[in-house]
């Protein structure tokens, strides 16, 4: 089985307003059918995602954030043992640490944190978050221009 060199994981709950930013960005990218990119979504990260990192050239964790400045931040993810390591929901750093414990040095990884404003159950995407989504899509299209149409 050939593993695409780039993995993007969209994290978030589509039923909680701007928390849907991660899955929505992945959905938009799926429409472009990138040939060398694997796209995954989930409500939260689990330790099993460490297995999905094998054989990758780059990994991007995409999530909504109340703390990120608009429209988004794109920062390296580093392997860390944090409080999420033993919970039901892991941080990207904890997933990288699990990978390191199992297989050695993880692939280069980044966190794309899109600024969100409204996270209440049943809310739709806010106008500000929709604009941030478009900015992040344009950024990733430029970053992976060799793989995205």
N, C-alpha and C. Protein backbone atom coordinates (compact mmCIF):
# COMPACT_ATOMS: atom_id res chain seq x y z
N UNK A 1 0.84 -1.18 0.00
CA UNK A 1 0.00 0.00 0.00
C UNK A 1 0.89 1.25 0.00
N UNK A 2 0.65 2.15 -0.92
CA UNK A 2 1.41 3.39 -1.00
C UNK A 2 0.76 4.42 -0.08
N UNK A 3 1.59 5.01 0.77
CA UNK A 3 1.12 6.03 1.70
C UNK A 3 1.40 7.40 1.11
N UNK A 4 0.37 8.24 0.96
CA UNK A 4 0.63 9.60 0.47
C UNK A 4 1.61 10.32 1.39
N UNK A 5 2.50 11.12 0.84
CA UNK A 5 3.53 11.75 1.66
C UNK A 5 3.03 12.82 2.62
N UNK A 6 1.85 13.37 2.35
CA UNK A 6 1.31 14.44 3.19
C UNK A 6 0.01 13.97 3.83
N UNK A 7 -0.11 14.21 5.13
CA UNK A 7 -1.33 13.86 5.86
C UNK A 7 -1.87 15.13 6.52
N UNK A 8 -3.16 15.41 6.29
CA UNK A 8 -3.85 16.49 6.98
C UNK A 8 -4.97 15.88 7.80
N UNK A 9 -5.03 16.24 9.07
CA UNK A 9 -6.06 15.73 9.97
C UNK A 9 -6.87 16.92 10.48
N UNK A 10 -8.15 16.97 10.11
CA UNK A 10 -9.05 18.01 10.57
C UNK A 10 -9.77 17.56 11.82
N UNK A 11 -9.65 18.35 12.87
CA UNK A 11 -10.21 18.00 14.18
C UNK A 11 -11.33 18.97 14.51
N UNK A 12 -12.47 18.43 14.98
CA UNK A 12 -13.54 19.31 15.41
C UNK A 12 -14.91 18.69 15.28
N UNK A 13 -15.87 19.33 15.90
CA UNK A 13 -17.24 18.87 15.92
C UNK A 13 -18.09 19.75 15.00
N UNK A 14 -18.56 19.20 13.89
CA UNK A 14 -19.37 19.98 12.94
C UNK A 14 -20.67 20.54 13.52
N UNK A 15 -21.11 20.04 14.67
CA UNK A 15 -22.35 20.51 15.30
C UNK A 15 -22.13 21.65 16.28
N UNK A 16 -20.88 22.10 16.44
CA UNK A 16 -20.58 23.13 17.44
C UNK A 16 -20.01 24.40 16.80
N UNK A 17 -20.75 24.98 15.88
CA UNK A 17 -20.38 26.25 15.30
C UNK A 17 -19.00 26.23 14.67
N UNK A 18 -18.13 27.15 15.12
CA UNK A 18 -16.82 27.31 14.51
C UNK A 18 -15.87 26.14 14.81
N UNK A 19 -16.26 25.24 15.72
CA UNK A 19 -15.45 24.05 15.96
C UNK A 19 -15.40 23.17 14.71
N UNK A 20 -16.28 23.43 13.77
CA UNK A 20 -16.32 22.69 12.50
C UNK A 20 -15.21 23.09 11.54
N UNK A 21 -14.41 24.10 11.87
CA UNK A 21 -13.40 24.59 10.93
C UNK A 21 -12.45 23.50 10.43
N UNK A 22 -11.96 22.64 11.30
CA UNK A 22 -11.05 21.58 10.87
C UNK A 22 -11.69 20.65 9.84
N UNK A 23 -12.82 20.04 10.18
CA UNK A 23 -13.48 19.17 9.20
C UNK A 23 -13.92 19.91 7.93
N UNK A 24 -14.35 21.16 8.05
CA UNK A 24 -14.76 21.90 6.85
C UNK A 24 -13.59 22.18 5.92
N UNK A 25 -12.43 22.46 6.47
CA UNK A 25 -11.25 22.69 5.63
C UNK A 25 -10.89 21.40 4.89
N UNK A 26 -10.97 20.28 5.59
CA UNK A 26 -10.68 18.98 4.96
C UNK A 26 -11.70 18.71 3.85
N UNK A 27 -12.95 19.01 4.12
CA UNK A 27 -14.00 18.82 3.11
C UNK A 27 -13.72 19.65 1.86
N UNK A 28 -13.30 20.88 2.04
CA UNK A 28 -12.98 21.74 0.90
C UNK A 28 -11.79 21.19 0.13
N UNK A 29 -10.79 20.67 0.84
CA UNK A 29 -9.62 20.10 0.18
C UNK A 29 -9.98 18.81 -0.57
N UNK A 30 -10.90 18.02 0.00
CA UNK A 30 -11.33 16.78 -0.67
C UNK A 30 -11.90 17.09 -2.05
N UNK A 31 -12.59 18.20 -2.18
CA UNK A 31 -13.18 18.58 -3.46
C UNK A 31 -12.10 18.83 -4.52
N UNK A 32 -10.89 19.14 -4.08
CA UNK A 32 -9.78 19.37 -5.01
C UNK A 32 -9.07 18.07 -5.40
N UNK A 33 -9.37 16.97 -4.72
CA UNK A 33 -8.78 15.65 -4.99
C UNK A 33 -7.26 15.69 -5.11
N UNK A 34 -6.56 16.16 -4.07
CA UNK A 34 -5.10 16.20 -4.15
C UNK A 34 -4.50 14.79 -4.23
N UNK A 35 -3.61 14.53 -5.20
CA UNK A 35 -3.10 13.18 -5.41
C UNK A 35 -2.11 12.68 -4.36
N UNK A 36 -1.34 13.55 -3.73
CA UNK A 36 -0.31 13.11 -2.78
C UNK A 36 -0.62 13.49 -1.35
N UNK A 37 -1.91 13.66 -1.06
CA UNK A 37 -2.35 14.09 0.26
C UNK A 37 -3.44 13.15 0.75
N UNK A 38 -3.28 12.69 2.00
CA UNK A 38 -4.36 11.95 2.65
C UNK A 38 -5.07 12.90 3.59
N UNK A 39 -6.40 12.87 3.56
CA UNK A 39 -7.21 13.78 4.36
C UNK A 39 -8.07 12.97 5.32
N UNK A 40 -7.97 13.29 6.61
CA UNK A 40 -8.75 12.60 7.63
C UNK A 40 -9.46 13.63 8.50
N UNK A 41 -10.60 13.26 9.07
CA UNK A 41 -11.28 14.11 10.04
C UNK A 41 -11.72 13.27 11.22
N UNK A 42 -11.83 13.94 12.36
CA UNK A 42 -12.32 13.28 13.56
C UNK A 42 -12.74 14.36 14.55
N UNK A 43 -13.56 13.96 15.52
CA UNK A 43 -13.96 14.88 16.56
C UNK A 43 -12.78 15.25 17.45
N UNK A 44 -11.89 14.30 17.67
CA UNK A 44 -10.73 14.52 18.53
C UNK A 44 -9.64 13.52 18.16
N UNK A 45 -8.41 13.85 18.56
CA UNK A 45 -7.29 12.96 18.28
C UNK A 45 -7.25 11.81 19.28
N UNK A 46 -6.86 10.66 18.79
CA UNK A 46 -6.68 9.46 19.62
C UNK A 46 -5.26 8.96 19.42
N UNK A 47 -4.80 8.13 20.32
CA UNK A 47 -3.43 7.61 20.24
C UNK A 47 -3.20 6.83 18.95
N UNK A 48 -4.24 6.24 18.40
CA UNK A 48 -4.12 5.47 17.16
C UNK A 48 -3.65 6.31 15.98
N UNK A 49 -3.82 7.62 16.05
CA UNK A 49 -3.35 8.47 14.97
C UNK A 49 -1.84 8.43 14.82
N UNK A 50 -1.14 8.00 15.85
CA UNK A 50 0.32 7.84 15.74
C UNK A 50 0.65 6.85 14.61
N UNK A 51 -0.18 5.85 14.41
CA UNK A 51 0.05 4.88 13.34
C UNK A 51 -0.10 5.51 11.95
N UNK A 52 -0.98 6.49 11.84
CA UNK A 52 -1.21 7.15 10.54
C UNK A 52 -0.05 8.04 10.12
N UNK A 53 0.86 8.35 11.03
CA UNK A 53 1.99 9.23 10.71
C UNK A 53 3.13 8.51 10.01
N UNK A 54 3.12 7.19 10.03
CA UNK A 54 4.22 6.42 9.43
C UNK A 54 4.33 6.67 7.93
N UNK A 55 5.57 6.89 7.49
CA UNK A 55 5.85 7.05 6.07
C UNK A 55 5.49 8.42 5.51
N UNK A 56 5.21 9.40 6.36
CA UNK A 56 4.80 10.73 5.88
C UNK A 56 6.01 11.66 5.75
N UNK A 57 5.93 12.55 4.80
CA UNK A 57 6.91 13.62 4.64
C UNK A 57 6.52 14.82 5.50
N UNK A 58 5.21 14.99 5.69
CA UNK A 58 4.71 16.11 6.48
C UNK A 58 3.30 15.80 6.98
N UNK A 59 3.01 16.30 8.17
CA UNK A 59 1.69 16.12 8.78
C UNK A 59 1.20 17.49 9.24
N UNK A 60 -0.08 17.77 8.99
CA UNK A 60 -0.69 19.02 9.45
C UNK A 60 -1.95 18.67 10.23
N UNK A 61 -1.99 19.13 11.49
CA UNK A 61 -3.18 19.01 12.33
C UNK A 61 -3.96 20.32 12.19
N UNK A 62 -5.23 20.23 11.78
CA UNK A 62 -6.05 21.41 11.53
C UNK A 62 -7.15 21.46 12.58
N UNK A 63 -7.25 22.60 13.30
CA UNK A 63 -8.23 22.70 14.37
C UNK A 63 -8.66 24.15 14.55
N UNK A 64 -9.84 24.34 15.10
CA UNK A 64 -10.32 25.67 15.45
C UNK A 64 -9.71 26.08 16.78
N UNK A 65 -9.59 27.39 17.00
CA UNK A 65 -8.98 27.90 18.22
C UNK A 65 -9.58 29.24 18.60
N UNK A 66 -9.84 29.40 19.88
CA UNK A 66 -10.24 30.71 20.40
C UNK A 66 -9.03 31.59 20.65
N UNK A 67 -7.85 30.98 20.76
CA UNK A 67 -6.63 31.69 21.12
C UNK A 67 -5.82 32.17 19.92
N UNK A 68 -5.99 31.56 18.78
CA UNK A 68 -5.20 31.93 17.60
C UNK A 68 -5.64 33.29 17.10
N UNK A 69 -4.68 34.12 16.67
CA UNK A 69 -5.09 35.38 16.03
C UNK A 69 -5.72 35.07 14.67
N UNK A 70 -6.63 35.92 14.25
CA UNK A 70 -7.27 35.73 12.94
C UNK A 70 -6.25 36.05 11.84
N UNK A 71 -6.27 35.38 10.73
CA UNK A 71 -7.21 34.31 10.39
C UNK A 71 -6.78 32.93 10.92
N UNK A 72 -5.47 32.73 11.12
CA UNK A 72 -4.99 31.44 11.60
C UNK A 72 -3.52 31.56 11.98
N UNK A 73 -3.03 30.53 12.65
CA UNK A 73 -1.58 30.38 12.88
C UNK A 73 -1.16 29.05 12.28
N UNK A 74 0.09 28.98 11.88
CA UNK A 74 0.66 27.76 11.33
C UNK A 74 2.02 27.61 12.01
N UNK A 75 2.10 26.69 12.98
CA UNK A 75 3.31 26.56 13.79
C UNK A 75 3.75 25.10 13.84
N UNK A 76 5.05 24.87 14.02
CA UNK A 76 5.52 23.48 14.17
C UNK A 76 4.89 22.83 15.40
N UNK A 77 4.58 21.57 15.28
CA UNK A 77 4.11 20.77 16.41
C UNK A 77 5.31 20.00 16.94
N UNK A 78 5.44 19.94 18.24
CA UNK A 78 6.55 19.22 18.85
C UNK A 78 6.01 18.14 19.77
N UNK A 79 6.74 17.04 19.83
CA UNK A 79 6.36 15.93 20.69
C UNK A 79 6.49 16.35 22.14
N UNK A 80 5.43 16.18 22.89
CA UNK A 80 5.43 16.51 24.31
C UNK A 80 4.57 15.51 25.07
N UNK A 81 4.96 15.30 26.31
CA UNK A 81 4.09 14.56 27.21
C UNK A 81 3.31 15.61 27.98
N UNK A 82 2.03 15.71 27.71
CA UNK A 82 1.22 16.71 28.38
C UNK A 82 0.04 16.04 29.07
N UNK A 83 -0.80 16.84 29.68
CA UNK A 83 -1.94 16.31 30.43
C UNK A 83 -2.88 15.50 29.54
N UNK A 84 -2.89 15.77 28.25
CA UNK A 84 -3.80 15.04 27.36
C UNK A 84 -3.33 13.62 27.10
N UNK A 85 -2.08 13.33 27.44
CA UNK A 85 -1.49 12.03 27.11
C UNK A 85 -2.29 10.86 27.70
N UNK A 86 -2.90 11.06 28.86
CA UNK A 86 -3.63 9.96 29.49
C UNK A 86 -5.14 10.16 29.45
N UNK A 87 -5.60 11.11 28.67
CA UNK A 87 -7.04 11.35 28.59
C UNK A 87 -7.62 10.71 27.33
N UNK A 88 -8.91 10.91 27.14
CA UNK A 88 -9.57 10.36 25.94
C UNK A 88 -9.31 11.23 24.72
N UNK A 89 -8.79 12.42 24.91
CA UNK A 89 -8.50 13.34 23.80
C UNK A 89 -7.04 13.77 23.88
N UNK A 90 -6.32 13.63 22.78
CA UNK A 90 -4.89 13.95 22.78
C UNK A 90 -4.62 15.25 22.03
N UNK A 91 -3.53 15.89 22.41
CA UNK A 91 -3.04 17.05 21.66
C UNK A 91 -2.17 16.53 20.52
N UNK A 92 -1.92 17.34 19.50
CA UNK A 92 -0.98 16.92 18.45
C UNK A 92 0.40 16.55 19.02
N UNK A 93 0.86 17.30 20.01
CA UNK A 93 2.15 16.98 20.62
C UNK A 93 2.18 15.62 21.28
N UNK A 94 1.07 15.23 21.91
CA UNK A 94 0.99 13.91 22.54
C UNK A 94 0.96 12.80 21.49
N UNK A 95 0.31 13.05 20.35
CA UNK A 95 0.31 12.05 19.26
C UNK A 95 1.73 11.88 18.73
N UNK A 96 2.45 12.99 18.57
CA UNK A 96 3.84 12.91 18.10
C UNK A 96 4.71 12.18 19.11
N UNK A 97 4.47 12.41 20.39
CA UNK A 97 5.25 11.70 21.42
C UNK A 97 4.97 10.19 21.36
N UNK A 98 3.71 9.83 21.20
CA UNK A 98 3.37 8.40 21.09
C UNK A 98 4.07 7.80 19.87
N UNK A 99 4.09 8.52 18.76
CA UNK A 99 4.80 8.04 17.57
C UNK A 99 6.27 7.82 17.90
N UNK A 100 6.89 8.80 18.56
CA UNK A 100 8.30 8.70 18.91
C UNK A 100 8.59 7.51 19.80
N UNK A 101 7.70 7.22 20.73
CA UNK A 101 7.90 6.06 21.62
C UNK A 101 7.80 4.75 20.85
N UNK A 102 6.96 4.73 19.82
CA UNK A 102 6.76 3.51 19.04
C UNK A 102 7.79 3.33 17.92
N UNK A 103 8.09 4.41 17.21
CA UNK A 103 8.83 4.28 15.96
C UNK A 103 10.08 5.14 15.84
N UNK A 104 10.31 6.04 16.76
CA UNK A 104 11.45 6.95 16.65
C UNK A 104 11.00 8.34 16.24
N UNK A 105 11.88 9.08 15.61
CA UNK A 105 11.64 10.48 15.25
C UNK A 105 10.39 10.62 14.37
N UNK A 106 9.41 11.45 14.81
CA UNK A 106 8.21 11.64 13.99
C UNK A 106 8.51 12.51 12.77
N UNK A 107 7.65 12.44 11.78
CA UNK A 107 7.82 13.32 10.61
C UNK A 107 7.59 14.76 11.01
N UNK A 108 8.06 15.72 10.19
CA UNK A 108 7.75 17.12 10.47
C UNK A 108 6.24 17.31 10.54
N UNK A 109 5.80 18.02 11.58
CA UNK A 109 4.37 18.21 11.78
C UNK A 109 4.10 19.66 12.17
N UNK A 110 2.89 20.10 11.83
CA UNK A 110 2.48 21.48 12.08
C UNK A 110 1.05 21.50 12.60
N UNK A 111 0.71 22.57 13.30
CA UNK A 111 -0.65 22.81 13.73
C UNK A 111 -1.15 24.05 13.00
N UNK A 112 -2.21 23.89 12.26
CA UNK A 112 -2.91 25.00 11.61
C UNK A 112 -4.12 25.29 12.48
N UNK A 113 -4.04 26.37 13.26
CA UNK A 113 -5.12 26.74 14.19
C UNK A 113 -5.90 27.90 13.60
N UNK A 114 -7.13 27.64 13.22
CA UNK A 114 -7.99 28.66 12.63
C UNK A 114 -8.77 29.36 13.73
N UNK A 115 -8.77 30.66 13.70
CA UNK A 115 -9.49 31.44 14.71
C UNK A 115 -10.99 31.21 14.56
N UNK A 116 -11.61 30.81 15.69
CA UNK A 116 -13.05 30.65 15.76
C UNK A 116 -13.62 31.60 16.80
N UNK A 117 -14.90 31.90 16.70
CA UNK A 117 -15.55 32.84 17.60
C UNK A 117 -16.69 32.21 18.40
N UNK A 118 -17.46 31.33 17.77
CA UNK A 118 -18.68 30.81 18.37
C UNK A 118 -18.65 29.28 18.33
N UNK A 119 -18.75 28.65 19.50
CA UNK A 119 -18.61 27.20 19.59
C UNK A 119 -19.81 26.51 20.24
N UNK A 120 -20.94 27.16 20.26
CA UNK A 120 -22.11 26.58 20.91
C UNK A 120 -22.74 25.48 20.06
N UNK A 121 -23.29 24.49 20.73
CA UNK A 121 -23.96 23.38 20.07
C UNK A 121 -25.11 23.90 19.22
N UNK A 122 -25.15 23.47 17.97
CA UNK A 122 -26.23 23.83 17.06
C UNK A 122 -26.00 25.11 16.28
N UNK A 123 -24.95 25.85 16.60
CA UNK A 123 -24.67 27.08 15.86
C UNK A 123 -24.07 26.74 14.51
N UNK A 124 -24.26 27.64 13.56
CA UNK A 124 -23.60 27.52 12.28
C UNK A 124 -22.24 28.20 12.33
N UNK A 125 -21.55 28.16 11.23
CA UNK A 125 -20.24 28.79 11.13
C UNK A 125 -20.40 30.31 11.15
N UNK A 126 -19.62 30.98 11.98
CA UNK A 126 -19.70 32.44 12.04
C UNK A 126 -19.10 33.05 10.77
N UNK A 127 -19.48 34.28 10.49
CA UNK A 127 -18.98 34.99 9.32
C UNK A 127 -17.46 35.14 9.39
N UNK A 128 -16.95 35.46 10.57
CA UNK A 128 -15.50 35.62 10.74
C UNK A 128 -14.78 34.29 10.50
N UNK A 129 -15.33 33.20 11.02
CA UNK A 129 -14.71 31.89 10.82
C UNK A 129 -14.73 31.48 9.36
N UNK A 130 -15.81 31.80 8.65
CA UNK A 130 -15.88 31.49 7.22
C UNK A 130 -14.77 32.20 6.45
N UNK A 131 -14.50 33.44 6.81
CA UNK A 131 -13.40 34.18 6.16
C UNK A 131 -12.05 33.56 6.52
N UNK A 132 -11.90 33.13 7.76
CA UNK A 132 -10.66 32.49 8.19
C UNK A 132 -10.45 31.16 7.47
N UNK A 133 -11.53 30.45 7.23
CA UNK A 133 -11.47 29.20 6.47
C UNK A 133 -10.95 29.45 5.06
N UNK A 134 -11.46 30.48 4.41
CA UNK A 134 -11.01 30.81 3.05
C UNK A 134 -9.52 31.16 3.04
N UNK A 135 -9.07 31.91 4.04
CA UNK A 135 -7.65 32.29 4.12
C UNK A 135 -6.78 31.05 4.33
N UNK A 136 -7.22 30.12 5.16
CA UNK A 136 -6.45 28.90 5.41
C UNK A 136 -6.42 28.02 4.17
N UNK A 137 -7.53 27.94 3.45
CA UNK A 137 -7.57 27.15 2.21
C UNK A 137 -6.59 27.73 1.19
N UNK A 138 -6.56 29.04 1.06
CA UNK A 138 -5.62 29.68 0.12
C UNK A 138 -4.18 29.41 0.55
N UNK A 139 -3.91 29.47 1.84
CA UNK A 139 -2.57 29.21 2.36
C UNK A 139 -2.13 27.78 2.04
N UNK A 140 -2.98 26.81 2.32
CA UNK A 140 -2.62 25.41 2.05
C UNK A 140 -2.49 25.16 0.55
N UNK A 141 -3.32 25.80 -0.24
CA UNK A 141 -3.21 25.64 -1.69
C UNK A 141 -1.85 26.12 -2.19
N UNK A 142 -1.37 27.24 -1.63
CA UNK A 142 -0.03 27.72 -2.00
C UNK A 142 1.05 26.79 -1.45
N UNK A 143 0.90 26.37 -0.20
CA UNK A 143 1.92 25.52 0.44
C UNK A 143 2.10 24.20 -0.30
N UNK A 144 1.00 23.62 -0.71
CA UNK A 144 1.06 22.33 -1.40
C UNK A 144 0.72 22.48 -2.87
N UNK A 145 1.18 23.54 -3.49
CA UNK A 145 0.84 23.82 -4.88
C UNK A 145 1.27 22.72 -5.83
N UNK A 146 2.28 21.94 -5.44
CA UNK A 146 2.71 20.83 -6.30
C UNK A 146 1.76 19.65 -6.23
N UNK A 147 0.87 19.62 -5.21
CA UNK A 147 -0.05 18.49 -5.08
C UNK A 147 -1.51 18.89 -5.22
N UNK A 148 -1.81 20.18 -5.02
CA UNK A 148 -3.20 20.63 -5.13
C UNK A 148 -3.40 21.36 -6.47
N UNK A 149 -4.56 21.16 -7.10
CA UNK A 149 -4.83 21.86 -8.36
C UNK A 149 -5.02 23.35 -8.13
